[in-house]
């Protein structure tokens, strides 16, 4: 079952998909730049409270990676139509 937790940072509300995996042994946080998402994998017995505390502990790491990159800004400018 997939759930989503939200972290507030300078980039705004950042959703984090929470996945439970039977073979997971520890919590694992991944920033996927291709899908532009964050995923937190939990072992079967970990609670959502544990997940929230883990995300709070890694708030700075998430905020740093959630900031739009220069490449994102360039892509946005290229998508905008030219004036005139």
C-alpha atoms as a PDB file:
ATOM      1  CA  UNK A   1       0.000   0.000   0.000  1.00  0.00           C
ATOM      2  CA  UNK A   2       1.336   3.424  -0.956  1.00  0.00           C
ATOM      3  CA  UNK A   3       0.748   6.500   1.173  1.00  0.00           C
ATOM      4  CA  UNK A   4       1.949  10.074   0.810  1.00  0.00           C
ATOM      5  CA  UNK A   5       3.402  12.305   3.503  1.00  0.00           C
ATOM      6  CA  UNK A   6       4.056  15.996   2.890  1.00  0.00           C
ATOM      7  CA  UNK A   7       7.074  18.021   4.002  1.00  0.00           C
ATOM      8  CA  UNK A   8       6.931  21.834   4.036  1.00  0.00           C
ATOM      9  CA  UNK A   9      10.068  23.637   2.868  1.00  0.00           C
ATOM     10  CA  UNK A  10      11.121  26.736   0.919  1.00  0.00           C
ATOM     11  CA  UNK A  11      10.159  25.018  -2.341  1.00  0.00           C
ATOM     12  CA  UNK A  12       6.621  24.575  -0.981  1.00  0.00           C
ATOM     13  CA  UNK A  13       4.804  21.394  -0.041  1.00  0.00           C
ATOM     14  CA  UNK A  14       6.914  18.410  -1.081  1.00  0.00           C
ATOM     15  CA  UNK A  15       5.065  15.085  -1.343  1.00  0.00           C
ATOM     16  CA  UNK A  16       6.943  11.932  -0.337  1.00  0.00           C
ATOM     17  CA  UNK A  17       5.579   8.553  -1.428  1.00  0.00           C
ATOM     18  CA  UNK A  18       5.796   6.024   1.394  1.00  0.00           C
ATOM     19  CA  UNK A  19       6.196   2.414   0.284  1.00  0.00           C
ATOM     20  CA  UNK A  20       6.219  -0.683   2.480  1.00  0.00           C
ATOM     21  CA  UNK A  21       8.406  -3.524   1.286  1.00  0.00           C
ATOM     22  CA  UNK A  22       8.510  -6.955   2.884  1.00  0.00           C
ATOM     23  CA  UNK A  23      12.221  -7.331   2.117  1.00  0.00           C
ATOM     24  CA  UNK A  24      13.248  -3.863   3.423  1.00  0.00           C
ATOM     25  CA  UNK A  25      15.513  -3.941   6.481  1.00  0.00           C
ATOM     26  CA  UNK A  26      15.851  -0.189   7.051  1.00  0.00           C
ATOM     27  CA  UNK A  27      14.290   3.104   6.006  1.00  0.00           C
ATOM     28  CA  UNK A  28      15.493   4.358   2.634  1.00  0.00           C
ATOM     29  CA  UNK A  29      14.870   7.835   1.212  1.00  0.00           C
ATOM     30  CA  UNK A  30      15.369   8.387  -2.525  1.00  0.00           C
ATOM     31  CA  UNK A  31      15.125  11.544  -4.626  1.00  0.00           C
ATOM     32  CA  UNK A  32      14.255  10.521  -8.182  1.00  0.00           C
ATOM     33  CA  UNK A  33      15.128  13.407 -10.528  1.00  0.00           C
ATOM     34  CA  UNK A  34      13.646  11.671 -13.567  1.00  0.00           C
ATOM     35  CA  UNK A  35      10.224  11.172 -12.002  1.00  0.00           C
ATOM     36  CA  UNK A  36      10.661  14.313  -9.883  1.00  0.00           C
ATOM     37  CA  UNK A  37       9.541  12.597  -6.728  1.00  0.00           C
ATOM     38  CA  UNK A  38      10.752  11.477  -3.330  1.00  0.00           C
ATOM     39  CA  UNK A  39      10.193   7.915  -2.103  1.00  0.00           C
ATOM     40  CA  UNK A  40      10.594   6.558   1.408  1.00  0.00           C
ATOM     41  CA  UNK A  41      10.763   2.777   1.699  1.00  0.00           C
ATOM     42  CA  UNK A  42       9.781   1.273   5.050  1.00  0.00           C
ATOM     43  CA  UNK A  43      10.306  -2.182   6.516  1.00  0.00           C
ATOM     44  CA  UNK A  44       7.064  -4.006   7.361  1.00  0.00           C
ATOM     45  CA  UNK A  45       7.017  -3.154  11.079  1.00  0.00           C
ATOM     46  CA  UNK A  46       7.963   0.533  10.826  1.00  0.00           C
ATOM     47  CA  UNK A  47       5.202   2.962  11.776  1.00  0.00           C
ATOM     48  CA  UNK A  48       4.116   6.141  10.016  1.00  0.00           C
ATOM     49  CA  UNK A  49       5.307   8.002  13.114  1.00  0.00           C
ATOM     50  CA  UNK A  50       8.779   6.582  12.520  1.00  0.00           C
ATOM     51  CA  UNK A  51       8.526   7.615   8.868  1.00  0.00           C
ATOM     52  CA  UNK A  52       7.494  11.164   9.825  1.00  0.00           C
ATOM     53  CA  UNK A  53      10.369  11.449  12.331  1.00  0.00           C
ATOM     54  CA  UNK A  54      12.818  10.179   9.694  1.00  0.00           C
ATOM     55  CA  UNK A  55      11.568  12.767   7.188  1.00  0.00           C
ATOM     56  CA  UNK A  56      11.818  15.512   9.819  1.00  0.00           C
ATOM     57  CA  UNK A  57      15.423  14.476  10.527  1.00  0.00           C
ATOM     58  CA  UNK A  58      16.198  14.667   6.788  1.00  0.00           C
ATOM     59  CA  UNK A  59      14.289  17.906   6.168  1.00  0.00           C
ATOM     60  CA  UNK A  60      17.398  19.791   4.990  1.00  0.00           C
ATOM     61  CA  UNK A  61      18.359  17.057   2.535  1.00  0.00           C
ATOM     62  CA  UNK A  62      14.846  17.035   1.066  1.00  0.00           C
ATOM     63  CA  UNK A  63      14.652  20.844   0.873  1.00  0.00           C
ATOM     64  CA  UNK A  64      17.995  21.009  -0.925  1.00  0.00           C
ATOM     65  CA  UNK A  65      16.906  18.523  -3.572  1.00  0.00           C
ATOM     66  CA  UNK A  66      13.384  19.926  -3.933  1.00  0.00           C
ATOM     67  CA  UNK A  67      14.674  23.313  -5.105  1.00  0.00           C
ATOM     68  CA  UNK A  68      14.195  23.851  -8.831  1.00  0.00           C
ATOM     69  CA  UNK A  69      17.467  23.417 -10.659  1.00  0.00           C
ATOM     70  CA  UNK A  70      18.899  25.795 -13.233  1.00  0.00           C
ATOM     71  CA  UNK A  71      17.984  23.232 -15.887  1.00  0.00           C
ATOM     72  CA  UNK A  72      14.341  23.334 -14.718  1.00  0.00           C
ATOM     73  CA  UNK A  73      14.343  27.136 -14.964  1.00  0.00           C
ATOM     74  CA  UNK A  74      15.785  26.968 -18.480  1.00  0.00           C
ATOM     75  CA  UNK A  75      13.182  24.397 -19.546  1.00  0.00           C
ATOM     76  CA  UNK A  76      10.411  26.638 -18.214  1.00  0.00           C
ATOM     77  CA  UNK A  77      11.778  29.608 -20.144  1.00  0.00           C
ATOM     78  CA  UNK A  78      12.004  27.558 -23.335  1.00  0.00           C
ATOM     79  CA  UNK A  79       8.379  26.442 -22.978  1.00  0.00           C
ATOM     80  CA  UNK A  80       7.145  30.047 -22.720  1.00  0.00           C
ATOM     81  CA  UNK A  81       6.127  31.518 -26.074  1.00  0.00           C
ATOM     82  CA  UNK A  82       8.219  34.323 -27.459  1.00  0.00           C
ATOM     83  CA  UNK A  83       6.698  37.794 -27.122  1.00  0.00           C
ATOM     84  CA  UNK A  84       5.377  39.517 -30.230  1.00  0.00           C
END
